[in-house]
Amino acid sequence: MAQILVIDDDIAVLESLRVILEKKGHAVIAVDRAHKGLALIAQQSFDLLILDLIMPEQEGLETLMQLGQDYPGLRVIVISGGGRMHGGGVRPGAMLEIAQDLGAMMTLAKPFSATELIQAVERALLTESNG
């Protein structure tokens, strides 16, 4: 049983991920803004973070860079549906590649299945953290 934090601005996605992960026995905290997630990470330990890339206020890549500096051992899976083009017309798939370059253990492109999510979570939890 892992302690998992999910950060995504889409409430339906948050709820879906929470239900899927809790059915697998994980303790899940789900928040809709990066600053809320960062505050929680500062207060308690998580085994895994699932982070959406495209969010209001603070993009997932910014959050990922901050986490890499402050919590280099935190396991992170980045998720993204692509959404809008990012600065300078970067294609959405490239954003997932950049996320891996910035330290994400894995990426999942939305929409993904419950099976794909569970497999990614299980792989991430079996992998040594960087810290």
Protein backbone atom coordinates (compact mmCIF):
# COMPACT_ATOMS: atom_id res chain seq x y z
CA MET A 1 0.00 0.00 0.00
CA ALA A 2 1.50 3.27 -1.13
CA GLN A 3 0.79 6.87 -0.22
CA ILE A 4 0.03 8.56 -3.56
CA LEU A 5 -0.58 12.23 -4.34
CA VAL A 6 -2.46 13.13 -7.53
CA ILE A 7 -2.39 16.68 -8.92
CA ASP A 8 -4.74 17.44 -11.83
CA ASP A 9 -7.02 20.40 -12.48
CA ASP A 10 -9.73 18.15 -13.97
CA ILE A 11 -11.94 17.06 -11.07
CA ALA A 12 -13.34 14.09 -13.04
CA VAL A 13 -9.81 12.81 -13.68
CA LEU A 14 -8.90 13.30 -10.01
CA GLU A 15 -11.90 11.30 -8.87
CA SER A 16 -11.32 8.53 -11.42
CA LEU A 17 -7.67 8.13 -10.48
CA ARG A 18 -8.50 8.19 -6.78
CA VAL A 19 -11.10 5.43 -7.15
CA ILE A 20 -8.85 3.23 -9.32
CA LEU A 21 -5.87 3.57 -6.99
CA GLU A 22 -7.87 3.12 -3.78
CA LYS A 23 -9.38 -0.10 -5.19
CA LYS A 24 -5.80 -1.35 -5.46
CA GLY A 25 -5.28 -0.57 -1.77
CA HIS A 26 -3.35 2.69 -2.05
CA ALA A 27 -3.95 5.74 0.13
CA VAL A 28 -4.66 8.63 -2.24
CA ILE A 29 -4.80 12.37 -1.75
CA ALA A 30 -6.06 14.28 -4.79
CA VAL A 31 -5.73 18.04 -5.29
CA ASP A 32 -6.58 20.33 -8.20
CA ARG A 33 -3.70 22.84 -8.05
CA ALA A 34 0.08 22.49 -8.02
CA HIS A 35 0.54 24.84 -5.05
CA LYS A 36 -1.77 22.65 -2.94
CA GLY A 37 0.25 19.58 -3.87
CA LEU A 38 3.56 21.27 -3.13
CA ALA A 39 2.28 22.31 0.29
CA LEU A 40 1.28 18.71 1.04
CA ILE A 41 4.65 17.37 -0.13
CA ALA A 42 6.36 19.79 2.27
CA GLN A 43 4.25 18.45 5.15
CA GLN A 44 4.26 14.71 4.57
CA SER A 45 5.95 11.90 2.70
CA PHE A 46 4.53 10.37 -0.48
CA ASP A 47 5.66 7.23 -2.27
CA LEU A 48 4.49 8.54 -5.64
CA LEU A 49 3.18 11.68 -7.30
CA ILE A 50 0.94 11.59 -10.37
CA LEU A 51 1.15 15.04 -11.97
CA ASP A 52 -0.82 16.56 -14.85
CA LEU A 53 1.28 18.68 -17.20
CA ILE A 54 -1.20 21.28 -18.35
CA MET A 55 -2.74 23.16 -15.46
CA PRO A 56 -3.68 26.72 -14.55
CA GLU A 57 -1.49 28.92 -12.36
CA GLN A 58 1.57 26.66 -12.49
CA GLU A 59 2.28 24.25 -15.34
CA GLY A 60 3.31 20.71 -14.56
CA LEU A 61 6.79 21.24 -16.01
CA GLU A 62 7.39 24.13 -13.60
CA THR A 63 6.20 21.95 -10.74
CA LEU A 64 8.40 19.08 -11.90
CA MET A 65 11.48 21.34 -12.00
CA GLN A 66 10.73 22.61 -8.49
CA LEU A 67 10.26 19.07 -7.20
CA GLY A 68 13.54 18.00 -8.79
CA GLN A 69 15.35 20.69 -6.82
CA ASP A 70 13.51 20.33 -3.51
CA TYR A 71 12.59 16.60 -3.47
CA PRO A 72 14.89 14.79 -5.91
CA GLY A 73 13.94 11.34 -4.59
CA LEU A 74 10.21 11.68 -5.21
CA ARG A 75 8.87 9.24 -7.79
CA VAL A 76 6.74 11.07 -10.39
CA ILE A 77 4.45 9.87 -13.16
CA VAL A 78 3.42 12.68 -15.50
CA ILE A 79 0.07 12.55 -17.30
CA SER A 80 -1.20 14.78 -20.07
CA GLY A 81 -3.95 14.93 -22.63
CA GLY A 82 -1.96 17.33 -24.74
CA GLY A 83 -4.47 20.14 -24.61
CA ARG A 84 -3.14 23.39 -25.99
CA MET A 85 0.18 23.91 -27.68
CA HIS A 86 2.80 25.00 -25.22
CA GLY A 87 5.15 27.96 -25.49
CA GLY A 88 6.60 28.36 -28.96
CA GLY A 89 4.29 25.78 -30.51
CA VAL A 90 5.84 22.73 -28.86
CA ARG A 91 3.82 19.65 -29.83
CA PRO A 92 2.02 18.02 -26.87
CA GLY A 93 3.93 14.71 -27.17
CA ALA A 94 7.18 16.61 -26.83
CA MET A 95 5.99 17.89 -23.45
CA LEU A 96 5.90 14.33 -22.13
CA GLU A 97 9.43 13.78 -23.43
CA ILE A 98 10.60 16.97 -21.71
CA ALA A 99 8.95 15.78 -18.49
CA GLN A 100 11.04 12.61 -18.59
CA ASP A 101 14.16 14.69 -19.20
CA LEU A 102 13.24 16.70 -16.09
CA GLY A 103 12.98 13.59 -13.92
CA ALA A 104 9.58 12.00 -14.42
CA MET A 105 9.91 8.24 -14.09
CA MET A 106 7.16 7.64 -16.64
CA THR A 107 4.55 9.43 -18.67
CA LEU A 108 1.02 8.52 -19.67
CA ALA A 109 -0.87 10.24 -22.48
CA LYS A 110 -4.57 10.78 -21.78
CA PRO A 111 -6.80 8.99 -22.30
CA PHE A 112 -5.23 5.93 -20.70
CA SER A 113 -6.88 2.83 -19.31
CA ALA A 114 -7.11 1.79 -15.67
CA THR A 115 -4.82 -1.12 -16.54
CA GLU A 116 -2.19 1.21 -18.01
CA LEU A 117 -2.37 3.40 -14.91
CA ILE A 118 -2.02 0.47 -12.50
CA GLN A 119 0.89 -0.97 -14.49
CA ALA A 120 2.70 2.38 -14.47
CA VAL A 121 2.11 2.84 -10.73
CA GLU A 122 3.31 -0.67 -9.94
CA ARG A 123 6.47 -0.19 -12.05
CA ALA A 124 7.17 3.19 -10.45
CA LEU A 125 6.75 1.83 -6.93
CA LEU A 126 9.14 -1.05 -7.67
CA THR A 127 11.79 1.35 -8.97
CA GLU A 128 14.37 2.80 -6.59
CA SER A 129 13.80 6.48 -5.95
CA ASN A 130 16.59 8.90 -6.83
CA GLY A 131 16.93 10.17 -3.27
